[in-house]
Amino acid sequence: MTFGRTILKTPLRATSLRSVAGLRLTATLSIPAHRTLLSGPSTTRHQFHTSEPRNVVKPFLLADIGEGITECEVVQWFIKEGSVVSEFDKICEVQSDKASVEITSRFSGTVKRLCYNVGDMAEVGKPLVDIDVEGDGAVEEVGEVLTEAPVVATVVTTPVMSAPPRDERVLSLATPAVRRVCKENGVDITAVKGTGKDGRVLKEDVLRFVAEGSTGERVEVIGEESSPASTLAYPVVPLAEDKTVPLTGIQKAMFKSMTRSLTIPHFGFSDEFILDATSEYRAQLNAHIARDPIRFPFTKISYMPIFIKSLSVALADYPIVNSQVLADDPSDVNTIKLRYRAAHNIGVAMDTPGGLVVPNIKYVQQKSVLDIACDLHRLQELGKRNAIPPADFKDGTVTLSNIGTVGGTYASPVVVTSEVAIAVLGKMMRVPRFEEVAGRQTDKVVGRWVMPVSWSADHRVIDGATIARFCQRWKALVEAPALLGAELK
């Protein structure tokens, strides 16, 4: 830009005056009073334009994450109102009864509104945030500038304002386990100074905060005070106060799911599997893996891939165990249908830092034991980080839960409404058993590896004889791996 009678070569645009090197810029055009704008003839004129984006506010909807989930708890926001986001930037983290999921943006623009606070339940299909999306620029004619008119551009520099006050709806960076510790201790996580990477709040930070007596809001105390010590024959030791806390996202979803399961009449069945031959088969597979360590992402497999594959082979003979009850109106028996599902998507209950989740391994009938082991390893590694994607929770058909890793023998599992059967594996133990001695009318006591198994089935469509026969079929395949191999196609 030059001054005097020199022609203004380049049209002046608003976008060219916005910011330079972190400073706000404003421009003032000084024109003598005897010159006129927007009127009068001139031999040489240049149009003065401004170009401002035409913006559209678009709601960003919470997508369906599957498995019948209709709402998720908003765990934390990575943005706040006024933040500028690009496509694929992280917006927030939500948590269902299955896992925590980070939601990324589909649009680029400016965040106009956060539709939920931290801890609120966001509904699937409803807006999470409103984003002001920049559209095509529109050119608006402001007027004409005479070439004889001296143009004086005054640039005023103003320091950029400091960051706006912190939005209390945006939580500090922390894992779900740390946030749970905060809730249990009544601590406002935004008041805790994080010492982890990028200011992440660690469990140690929360415990230190509590130890210093700087807790957040006081929790509600339930119950009456203890009787005076003088009325007792022994000194009263003060107890910690009771406290009332809301359910976590996983607990809320579990509460709803298990409440719906109360409509299902359960039939229980238990048995014991002898795993001596299975142990030898597993040892042979692990020896094979050790000879080719580059091929597999693990050094050995557990019994679970063998159980899962054997279960799939048994399901081929008893497809009703892999079915689903379709009952929009349970009171009208004429409208109820039974859906026989072709895929064997066998769910595996996992204890993760965020709680119990049940991802499933897809199309087990088409996979080998080692293929299943690879899928299981992937899910276990993701589960350690609460990072199992929603697709792995969808369309489960039957579930296995292994309480034996924690302890215990028999259990009474609960069937979810999208399935008709679930099994629990107990702790594998070395126990004595009687066996007949060949050619003699006596018995001998031998040690055997035994695993208790507990089934629950939807008694509306599966009777006791069916689940018992199915379990015996599965048991035969588990106890005799040679038979399992003969059944594979």
Protein backbone atom coordinates (compact mmCIF):
# COMPACT_ATOMS: atom_id res chain seq x y z
CA MET A 1 0.00 0.00 0.00
CA THR A 2 1.39 3.48 -0.90
CA PHE A 3 0.21 6.99 -0.14
CA GLY A 4 -0.45 10.22 -2.01
CA ARG A 5 -1.82 9.96 -5.50
CA THR A 6 -0.60 6.42 -6.02
CA ILE A 7 -3.35 4.03 -6.94
CA LEU A 8 -4.26 1.44 -4.31
CA LYS A 9 -3.15 -1.61 -6.29
CA THR A 10 -4.64 -4.38 -4.17
CA PRO A 11 -8.24 -4.42 -2.90
CA LEU A 12 -8.25 -4.14 0.86
CA ARG A 13 -9.90 -7.15 2.56
CA ALA A 14 -10.96 -7.58 6.14
CA THR A 15 -9.13 -10.88 6.35
CA SER A 16 -5.79 -9.12 5.70
CA LEU A 17 -6.18 -6.99 8.83
CA ARG A 18 -6.93 -9.66 11.40
CA SER A 19 -3.70 -10.69 13.02
CA VAL A 20 0.05 -10.58 12.54
CA ALA A 21 2.55 -12.27 14.87
CA GLY A 22 0.04 -12.74 17.64
CA LEU A 23 -1.22 -9.10 17.67
CA ARG A 24 -4.68 -7.85 16.88
CA LEU A 25 -4.66 -5.35 13.99
CA THR A 26 -7.20 -2.67 13.17
CA ALA A 27 -7.16 -0.35 10.17
CA THR A 28 -8.43 3.22 9.83
CA LEU A 29 -8.91 4.81 6.41
CA SER A 30 -8.44 8.59 6.51
CA ILE A 31 -9.95 10.43 3.50
CA PRO A 32 -10.17 14.24 3.06
CA ALA A 33 -13.63 15.70 3.51
CA HIS A 34 -13.72 17.30 0.04
CA ARG A 35 -13.56 13.80 -1.48
CA THR A 36 -16.70 11.75 -1.68
CA LEU A 37 -17.29 8.04 -1.48
CA LEU A 38 -20.00 6.08 -3.23
CA SER A 39 -20.67 8.92 -5.66
CA GLY A 40 -19.16 11.19 -8.27
CA PRO A 41 -17.44 10.41 -11.55
CA SER A 42 -13.90 9.26 -11.65
CA THR A 43 -11.63 8.24 -14.46
CA THR A 44 -10.05 5.44 -12.49
CA ARG A 45 -11.82 3.66 -9.68
CA HIS A 46 -11.18 0.48 -7.72
CA GLN A 47 -13.77 -1.48 -5.88
CA PHE A 48 -13.29 -1.87 -2.11
CA HIS A 49 -14.43 -5.28 -0.96
CA THR A 50 -14.72 -7.15 2.29
CA SER A 51 -14.80 -10.92 2.41
CA GLU A 52 -16.41 -12.49 5.46
CA PRO A 53 -17.21 -16.17 5.74
CA ARG A 54 -20.82 -17.22 5.68
CA ASN A 55 -21.06 -19.46 8.75
CA VAL A 56 -23.49 -22.24 9.48
CA VAL A 57 -24.06 -23.58 12.98
CA LYS A 58 -24.20 -27.37 12.78
CA PRO A 59 -25.16 -29.66 15.69
CA PHE A 60 -22.73 -32.56 16.21
CA LEU A 61 -24.81 -35.62 17.15
CA LEU A 62 -23.77 -38.49 19.43
CA ALA A 63 -23.65 -41.50 17.11
CA ASP A 64 -25.05 -44.93 17.92
CA ILE A 65 -22.26 -46.96 19.56
CA GLY A 66 -24.22 -50.22 19.37
CA GLU A 67 -25.39 -52.95 21.75
CA GLY A 68 -28.67 -51.13 22.42
CA ILE A 69 -26.98 -48.29 24.31
CA THR A 70 -29.18 -45.18 24.31
CA GLU A 71 -27.13 -42.87 26.50
CA CYS A 72 -23.57 -42.37 27.74
CA GLU A 73 -22.04 -40.37 30.57
CA VAL A 74 -19.93 -37.38 29.53
CA VAL A 75 -16.64 -38.05 31.31
CA GLN A 76 -14.65 -35.03 30.19
CA TRP A 77 -14.52 -32.32 27.54
CA PHE A 78 -11.38 -31.61 25.53
CA ILE A 79 -12.86 -28.34 24.25
CA LYS A 80 -14.90 -25.42 25.56
CA GLU A 81 -17.20 -22.81 24.11
CA GLY A 82 -15.20 -20.60 21.77
CA SER A 83 -12.59 -23.27 20.99
CA VAL A 84 -11.54 -23.67 17.37
CA VAL A 85 -11.60 -27.31 16.28
CA SER A 86 -10.50 -29.09 13.13
CA GLU A 87 -11.87 -32.28 11.64
CA PHE A 88 -10.83 -35.36 13.66
CA ASP A 89 -9.86 -33.28 16.73
CA LYS A 90 -10.94 -34.85 20.03
CA ILE A 91 -14.14 -33.30 21.40
CA CYS A 92 -14.99 -35.31 24.49
CA GLU A 93 -14.84 -38.68 26.20
CA VAL A 94 -18.04 -40.59 26.94
CA GLN A 95 -18.48 -43.75 28.95
CA SER A 96 -21.08 -46.50 28.68
CA ASP A 97 -21.40 -49.82 30.48
CA LYS A 98 -18.96 -51.24 27.91
CA ALA A 99 -16.03 -48.83 27.70
CA SER A 100 -14.85 -45.25 27.48
CA VAL A 101 -14.86 -43.79 23.96
CA GLU A 102 -13.21 -40.59 22.71
CA ILE A 103 -15.44 -38.69 20.27
CA THR A 104 -13.75 -36.78 17.42
CA SER A 105 -15.13 -33.89 15.39
CA ARG A 106 -16.62 -34.26 11.92
CA PHE A 107 -16.46 -30.52 11.26
CA SER A 108 -13.94 -27.71 11.36
CA GLY A 109 -15.06 -24.48 12.99
CA THR A 110 -15.74 -22.73 16.28
CA VAL A 111 -17.54 -24.37 19.18
CA LYS A 112 -20.66 -22.34 19.98
CA ARG A 113 -22.26 -24.45 22.71
CA LEU A 114 -21.60 -27.51 24.86
CA CYS A 115 -24.91 -29.31 25.24
CA TYR A 116 -23.96 -31.26 28.39
CA ASN A 117 -21.96 -30.78 31.56
CA VAL A 118 -19.44 -33.29 32.81
CA GLY A 119 -21.32 -36.14 34.48
CA ASP A 120 -24.50 -35.63 32.43
CA MET A 121 -25.98 -38.49 30.43
CA ALA A 122 -25.81 -37.72 26.70
CA GLU A 123 -28.53 -39.30 24.55
CA VAL A 124 -27.66 -41.13 21.34
CA GLY A 125 -28.84 -39.18 18.31
CA LYS A 126 -29.02 -35.88 20.22
CA PRO A 127 -26.53 -32.97 19.80
CA LEU A 128 -23.31 -33.04 21.80
CA VAL A 129 -22.04 -29.63 20.69
CA ASP A 130 -22.97 -26.90 18.23
CA ILE A 131 -20.14 -25.99 15.85
CA ASP A 132 -20.04 -22.79 13.80
CA VAL A 133 -18.79 -24.19 10.48
CA GLU A 134 -17.17 -21.71 8.09
CA GLY A 135 -18.74 -21.83 4.62
CA ASP A 136 -18.04 -20.14 1.29
CA GLY A 137 -16.97 -16.50 1.50
CA ALA A 138 -19.35 -13.84 0.20
CA VAL A 139 -18.06 -10.68 -1.48
CA GLU A 140 -19.94 -7.53 -0.58
CA GLU A 141 -19.45 -4.26 -2.45
CA VAL A 142 -18.92 -1.40 -0.03
CA GLY A 143 -18.20 1.47 -2.39
CA GLU A 144 -15.71 3.14 -4.73
CA VAL A 145 -12.40 4.76 -3.81
CA LEU A 146 -11.15 7.68 -5.91
CA THR A 147 -7.59 7.42 -7.12
CA GLU A 148 -6.94 11.05 -6.20
CA ALA A 149 -8.00 10.52 -2.63
CA PRO A 150 -5.03 10.14 -0.32
CA VAL A 151 -5.38 6.95 1.64
CA VAL A 152 -3.82 6.80 5.02
CA ALA A 153 -3.72 3.40 6.76
CA THR A 154 -3.22 3.53 10.47
CA VAL A 155 -2.31 0.22 12.09
CA VAL A 156 -3.04 0.02 15.79
CA THR A 157 -1.48 -2.91 17.62
CA THR A 158 -3.25 -4.32 20.65
CA PRO A 159 -1.87 -7.23 22.69
CA VAL A 160 -3.95 -10.37 22.42
CA MET A 161 -6.20 -10.77 25.43
CA SER A 162 -5.32 -13.48 27.92
CA ALA A 163 -7.13 -16.83 27.78
CA PRO A 164 -10.76 -16.73 28.96
CA PRO A 165 -11.61 -18.05 32.40
CA ARG A 166 -11.51 -21.80 32.73
CA ASP A 167 -14.73 -23.57 31.81
CA GLU A 168 -15.68 -25.72 34.77
CA ARG A 169 -17.35 -28.22 32.42
CA VAL A 170 -13.93 -29.12 31.00
CA LEU A 171 -12.24 -31.64 33.29
CA SER A 172 -8.51 -32.03 33.80
CA LEU A 173 -6.86 -34.86 31.90
CA ALA A 174 -7.29 -38.06 33.89
CA THR A 175 -8.13 -41.73 33.40
CA PRO A 176 -11.55 -43.13 34.39
CA ALA A 177 -9.93 -44.86 37.39
CA VAL A 178 -8.58 -41.54 38.69
CA ARG A 179 -11.94 -39.84 38.19
CA ARG A 180 -13.57 -42.65 40.15
CA VAL A 181 -11.15 -42.03 43.05
CA CYS A 182 -12.12 -38.34 42.93
CA LYS A 183 -15.82 -39.17 43.12
CA GLU A 184 -15.29 -41.62 45.98
CA ASN A 185 -13.45 -38.93 47.98
CA GLY A 186 -15.68 -36.01 47.03
CA VAL A 187 -12.85 -34.22 45.22
CA ASP A 188 -13.36 -31.67 42.43
CA ILE A 189 -10.81 -32.85 39.87
CA THR A 190 -10.45 -29.36 38.40
CA ALA A 191 -8.96 -28.24 41.73
CA VAL A 192 -6.22 -30.89 41.66
CA LYS A 193 -2.88 -29.96 40.14
CA GLY A 194 -1.73 -32.79 37.87
CA THR A 195 1.89 -33.92 37.84
CA GLY A 196 1.61 -36.32 34.90
CA LYS A 197 2.37 -35.72 31.26
CA ASP A 198 0.64 -32.60 29.85
CA GLY A 199 -0.76 -31.87 33.31
CA ARG A 200 -2.59 -35.20 33.58
CA VAL A 201 -4.00 -35.82 37.05
CA LEU A 202 -2.66 -39.02 38.60
CA LYS A 203 -4.07 -41.12 41.43
CA GLU A 204 -1.18 -39.98 43.64
CA ASP A 205 -2.15 -36.34 43.02
CA VAL A 206 -5.71 -37.01 44.24
CA LEU A 207 -4.57 -38.91 47.34
CA ARG A 208 -2.09 -36.14 48.17
CA PHE A 209 -4.86 -33.58 47.71
CA VAL A 210 -7.11 -35.51 50.11
CA ALA A 211 -4.31 -35.97 52.66
CA GLU A 212 -3.72 -32.22 52.75
CA GLY A 213 -7.37 -31.70 53.67
CA SER A 214 -8.24 -29.79 50.49
CA THR A 215 -11.22 -31.84 49.40
CA GLY A 216 -13.99 -30.42 47.31
CA GLU A 217 -17.62 -30.25 48.32
CA ARG A 218 -18.57 -32.00 51.51
CA VAL A 219 -20.40 -35.26 50.87
CA GLU A 220 -23.80 -35.93 52.37
CA VAL A 221 -23.76 -37.92 55.58
CA ILE A 222 -26.44 -40.57 56.09
CA GLY A 223 -27.61 -41.79 59.46
CA GLU A 224 -27.74 -40.59 63.05
CA GLU A 225 -24.85 -39.90 65.36
CA SER A 226 -23.58 -42.66 67.64
CA SER A 227 -24.81 -42.90 71.19
CA PRO A 228 -22.71 -41.13 73.84
CA ALA A 229 -19.71 -43.08 75.00
CA SER A 230 -20.89 -42.88 78.61
CA THR A 231 -23.71 -45.32 77.86
CA LEU A 232 -21.28 -48.01 76.68
CA ALA A 233 -18.96 -50.20 78.66
CA TYR A 234 -16.08 -49.64 76.23
CA PRO A 235 -14.62 -46.58 74.45
CA VAL A 236 -16.16 -45.58 71.14
CA VAL A 237 -13.73 -45.23 68.25
CA PRO A 238 -15.01 -42.60 65.78
CA LEU A 239 -15.74 -44.08 62.39
CA ALA A 240 -15.37 -42.47 59.01
CA GLU A 241 -18.48 -40.67 57.82
CA ASP A 242 -20.91 -42.37 55.48
CA LYS A 243 -21.07 -40.82 52.06
CA THR A 244 -23.49 -40.89 49.15
CA VAL A 245 -22.17 -40.80 45.60
CA PRO A 246 -23.93 -41.07 42.22
CA LEU A 247 -23.57 -44.13 40.04
CA THR A 248 -20.80 -44.11 37.46
CA GLY A 249 -21.61 -44.40 33.77
CA ILE A 250 -20.91 -48.15 33.74
CA GLN A 251 -22.97 -48.65 36.90
CA LYS A 252 -25.93 -46.74 35.44
CA ALA A 253 -25.95 -48.81 32.27
CA MET A 254 -25.49 -52.03 34.27
CA PHE A 255 -28.38 -51.04 36.53
CA LYS A 256 -30.67 -50.59 33.52
CA SER A 257 -29.48 -53.76 31.74
CA MET A 258 -29.81 -55.99 34.79
CA THR A 259 -33.21 -54.51 35.62
CA ARG A 260 -34.42 -55.55 32.17
CA SER A 261 -32.91 -59.00 32.75
CA LEU A 262 -35.29 -59.48 35.68
CA THR A 263 -38.02 -60.12 33.12
CA ILE A 264 -36.20 -63.32 32.04
CA PRO A 265 -36.88 -66.55 33.98
CA HIS A 266 -33.45 -68.14 34.44
CA PHE A 267 -32.63 -71.82 34.36
CA GLY A 268 -29.34 -72.84 35.97
CA PHE A 269 -27.14 -75.84 35.17
CA SER A 270 -23.68 -76.81 36.45
CA ASP A 271 -21.08 -79.42 35.61
CA GLU A 272 -17.36 -80.15 35.89
CA PHE A 273 -14.88 -80.44 33.02
CA ILE A 274 -11.76 -82.60 33.37
CA LEU A 275 -8.92 -80.77 31.62
CA ASP A 276 -5.96 -83.16 31.73
CA ALA A 277 -6.04 -83.86 27.98
CA THR A 278 -6.83 -80.17 27.32
CA SER A 279 -3.73 -79.19 29.30
CA GLU A 280 -1.55 -81.42 27.12
CA TYR A 281 -3.13 -79.97 23.97
CA ARG A 282 -2.48 -76.41 25.21
CA ALA A 283 1.13 -77.30 26.01
CA GLN A 284 1.60 -78.56 22.44
CA LEU A 285 0.17 -75.34 21.02
CA ASN A 286 2.45 -73.21 23.21
CA ALA A 287 5.46 -75.26 22.10
CA HIS A 288 4.44 -74.56 18.48
CA ILE A 289 4.17 -70.83 19.25
CA ALA A 290 7.59 -70.81 20.90
CA ARG A 291 9.17 -72.30 17.75
CA ASP A 292 7.79 -69.43 15.62
CA PRO A 293 7.74 -66.34 17.88
CA ILE A 294 7.63 -63.81 15.02
CA ARG A 295 4.33 -65.13 13.70
CA PHE A 296 2.28 -64.47 16.85
CA PRO A 297 1.87 -61.33 19.02
CA PHE A 298 2.00 -63.45 22.19
CA THR A 299 4.33 -66.07 23.69
CA LYS A 300 1.63 -68.47 24.88
CA ILE A 301 -2.15 -68.92 24.94
CA SER A 302 -4.59 -69.54 27.76
CA TYR A 303 -7.33 -72.18 27.82
CA MET A 304 -9.93 -69.62 26.71
CA PRO A 305 -9.35 -69.87 22.91
CA ILE A 306 -9.84 -73.65 23.17
CA PHE A 307 -13.06 -73.21 25.16
CA ILE A 308 -14.37 -70.61 22.68
CA LYS A 309 -13.69 -72.75 19.60
CA SER A 310 -15.21 -75.84 21.23
CA LEU A 311 -18.28 -73.82 22.17
CA SER A 312 -18.71 -72.71 18.56
CA VAL A 313 -18.61 -76.32 17.32
CA ALA A 314 -21.26 -77.27 19.88
CA LEU A 315 -23.44 -74.32 18.82
CA ALA A 316 -23.62 -75.78 15.32
CA ASP A 317 -25.51 -78.75 16.81
CA TYR A 318 -27.67 -76.61 19.15
CA PRO A 319 -28.37 -73.36 17.27
CA ILE A 320 -31.11 -72.33 19.70
CA VAL A 321 -28.41 -71.47 22.25
CA ASN A 322 -27.16 -68.90 19.75
CA SER A 323 -30.60 -67.37 19.18
CA GLN A 324 -32.33 -64.17 20.28
CA VAL A 325 -35.88 -63.56 21.54
CA LEU A 326 -37.69 -60.80 19.63
CA ALA A 327 -40.52 -59.58 21.83
CA ASP A 328 -41.71 -56.03 21.25
CA ASP A 329 -44.80 -56.81 23.28
CA PRO A 330 -44.08 -59.66 25.75
CA SER A 331 -47.75 -59.78 26.75
CA ASP A 332 -48.77 -60.84 23.21
CA VAL A 333 -47.26 -64.29 22.67
CA ASN A 334 -48.43 -64.33 19.04
CA THR A 335 -46.01 -61.53 18.14
CA ILE A 336 -42.93 -63.09 19.77
CA LYS A 337 -40.32 -64.52 17.42
CA LEU A 338 -37.04 -66.38 17.75
CA ARG A 339 -34.10 -65.22 15.65
CA TYR A 340 -31.51 -67.92 14.85
CA ARG A 341 -28.24 -66.12 14.24
CA ALA A 342 -25.74 -67.46 11.71
CA ALA A 343 -22.68 -65.77 13.20
CA HIS A 344 -21.06 -67.13 16.35
CA ASN A 345 -20.01 -63.86 18.01
CA ILE A 346 -18.90 -65.15 21.38
CA GLY A 347 -18.57 -62.54 24.11
CA VAL A 348 -15.82 -62.66 26.72
CA ALA A 349 -16.30 -60.81 30.02
CA MET A 350 -13.19 -58.75 30.89
CA ASP A 351 -12.24 -56.97 34.09
CA THR A 352 -10.72 -53.64 33.00
CA PRO A 353 -9.62 -50.51 34.93
CA GLY A 354 -12.93 -48.91 33.88
CA GLY A 355 -15.06 -51.86 35.04
CA LEU A 356 -16.48 -55.09 33.62
CA VAL A 357 -16.92 -55.06 29.84
CA VAL A 358 -18.03 -57.78 27.40
CA PRO A 359 -16.52 -57.46 23.90
CA ASN A 360 -17.04 -60.35 21.52
CA ILE A 361 -14.97 -62.26 18.98
CA LYS A 362 -16.71 -62.19 15.61
CA TYR A 363 -17.38 -65.24 13.38
CA VAL A 364 -15.69 -67.80 15.63
CA GLN A 365 -16.98 -70.65 13.43
CA GLN A 366 -14.63 -69.44 10.65
CA LYS A 367 -11.50 -69.13 12.83
CA SER A 368 -8.88 -71.49 14.21
CA VAL A 369 -7.88 -71.69 17.85
CA LEU A 370 -4.79 -69.56 17.12
CA ASP A 371 -6.87 -67.00 15.20
CA ILE A 372 -9.15 -66.72 18.22
CA ALA A 373 -6.11 -66.33 20.47
CA CYS A 374 -4.94 -63.37 18.34
CA ASP A 375 -8.36 -61.66 18.62
CA LEU A 376 -8.47 -62.30 22.35
CA HIS A 377 -4.97 -60.87 22.82
CA ARG A 378 -5.95 -57.72 20.90
CA LEU A 379 -9.04 -57.16 23.05
CA GLN A 380 -7.12 -57.75 26.28
CA GLU A 381 -4.43 -55.21 25.34
CA LEU A 382 -7.05 -52.61 24.39
CA GLY A 383 -9.02 -53.35 27.57
CA LYS A 384 -6.01 -52.45 29.73
CA ARG A 385 -6.28 -48.91 28.30
CA ASN A 386 -10.10 -48.76 28.25
CA ALA A 387 -9.73 -48.40 24.48
CA ILE A 388 -11.86 -51.23 23.04
CA PRO A 389 -13.74 -49.75 20.04
CA PRO A 390 -17.56 -49.84 19.99
CA ALA A 391 -17.64 -52.27 17.04
CA ASP A 392 -16.23 -55.02 19.28
CA PHE A 393 -19.25 -54.75 21.59
CA LYS A 394 -21.91 -55.07 18.89
CA ASP A 395 -23.92 -58.16 17.95
CA GLY A 396 -22.81 -60.59 20.66
CA THR A 397 -24.67 -63.93 20.55
CA VAL A 398 -23.56 -65.91 23.65
CA THR A 399 -21.21 -65.03 26.52
CA LEU A 400 -18.41 -66.73 28.50
CA SER A 401 -17.24 -65.28 31.81
CA ASN A 402 -14.17 -66.55 33.61
CA ILE A 403 -14.38 -65.90 37.36
CA GLY A 404 -11.68 -68.49 37.90
CA THR A 405 -9.00 -65.86 37.31
CA VAL A 406 -10.31 -64.04 40.39
CA GLY A 407 -11.35 -67.07 42.45
CA GLY A 408 -14.44 -69.10 43.17
CA THR A 409 -16.07 -72.20 41.77
CA TYR A 410 -19.77 -71.94 40.87
CA ALA A 411 -21.82 -68.84 40.07
CA SER A 412 -25.28 -67.78 38.87
CA PRO A 413 -24.69 -65.56 35.81
CA VAL A 414 -27.42 -63.27 34.49
CA VAL A 415 -28.65 -63.48 30.90
CA VAL A 416 -28.93 -60.18 29.02
CA THR A 417 -32.00 -59.52 26.90
CA SER A 418 -30.09 -59.74 23.58
CA GLU A 419 -28.97 -63.35 24.29
CA VAL A 420 -30.48 -66.55 25.67
CA ALA A 421 -27.49 -68.14 27.46
CA ILE A 422 -24.34 -67.34 29.42
CA ALA A 423 -21.68 -69.56 31.02
CA VAL A 424 -19.28 -68.90 33.90
CA LEU A 425 -15.98 -70.78 34.22
CA GLY A 426 -14.77 -71.42 37.76
CA LYS A 427 -11.28 -71.89 39.15
CA MET A 428 -9.33 -74.83 37.74
CA MET A 429 -8.20 -77.12 40.58
CA ARG A 430 -6.20 -80.30 41.04
CA VAL A 431 -8.55 -82.67 42.90
CA PRO A 432 -8.73 -86.44 43.63
CA ARG A 433 -11.01 -88.64 41.55
CA PHE A 434 -11.83 -92.35 41.56
CA GLU A 435 -11.05 -94.39 38.46
CA GLU A 436 -11.66 -98.06 37.77
CA VAL A 437 -8.63 -100.31 37.49
CA ALA A 438 -8.74 -102.37 34.30
CA GLY A 439 -9.34 -106.06 34.98
CA ARG A 440 -10.01 -105.51 38.65
CA GLN A 441 -13.08 -104.86 40.70
CA THR A 442 -11.41 -102.05 42.59
CA ASP A 443 -10.92 -98.32 42.15
CA LYS A 444 -7.87 -96.13 42.47
CA VAL A 445 -7.61 -92.48 43.42
CA VAL A 446 -5.92 -90.22 40.86
CA GLY A 447 -5.36 -86.50 40.60
CA ARG A 448 -7.26 -84.64 37.89
CA TRP A 449 -7.44 -81.02 36.74
CA VAL A 450 -11.11 -80.06 37.13
CA MET A 451 -12.92 -76.85 36.16
CA PRO A 452 -16.49 -76.12 37.34
CA VAL A 453 -18.85 -74.60 34.76
CA SER A 454 -22.15 -72.82 35.48
CA TRP A 455 -24.82 -72.06 32.87
CA SER A 456 -27.83 -69.76 32.93
CA ALA A 457 -30.39 -69.91 30.11
CA ASP A 458 -33.58 -68.10 29.16
CA HIS A 459 -36.16 -70.63 30.37
CA ARG A 460 -38.86 -69.09 28.16
CA VAL A 461 -37.32 -70.71 25.08
CA ILE A 462 -34.69 -73.20 26.38
CA ASP A 463 -35.66 -76.10 28.60
CA GLY A 464 -33.40 -77.86 31.06
CA ALA A 465 -32.77 -80.93 28.88
CA THR A 466 -31.59 -78.78 25.97
CA ILE A 467 -29.03 -76.83 27.98
CA ALA A 468 -27.85 -80.03 29.68
CA ARG A 469 -27.31 -81.84 26.35
CA PHE A 470 -25.61 -78.80 24.87
CA CYS A 471 -23.25 -78.56 27.83
CA GLN A 472 -22.39 -82.26 27.54
CA ARG A 473 -21.59 -81.77 23.84
CA TRP A 474 -19.33 -78.83 24.65
CA LYS A 475 -17.72 -80.77 27.51
CA ALA A 476 -16.87 -83.71 25.22
CA LEU A 477 -15.09 -81.39 22.78
CA VAL A 478 -13.14 -79.62 25.53
CA GLU A 479 -12.05 -82.80 27.28
CA ALA A 480 -10.98 -84.55 24.06
CA PRO A 481 -9.07 -82.10 21.78
CA ALA A 482 -8.61 -84.92 19.24
CA LEU A 483 -12.41 -84.97 18.86
CA LEU A 484 -12.40 -81.19 18.45
CA GLY A 485 -9.88 -81.49 15.64
CA ALA A 486 -11.97 -84.14 13.92
CA GLU A 487 -15.02 -81.83 13.96
CA LEU A 488 -13.25 -78.92 12.23
CA LYS A 489 -14.01 -78.37 8.56
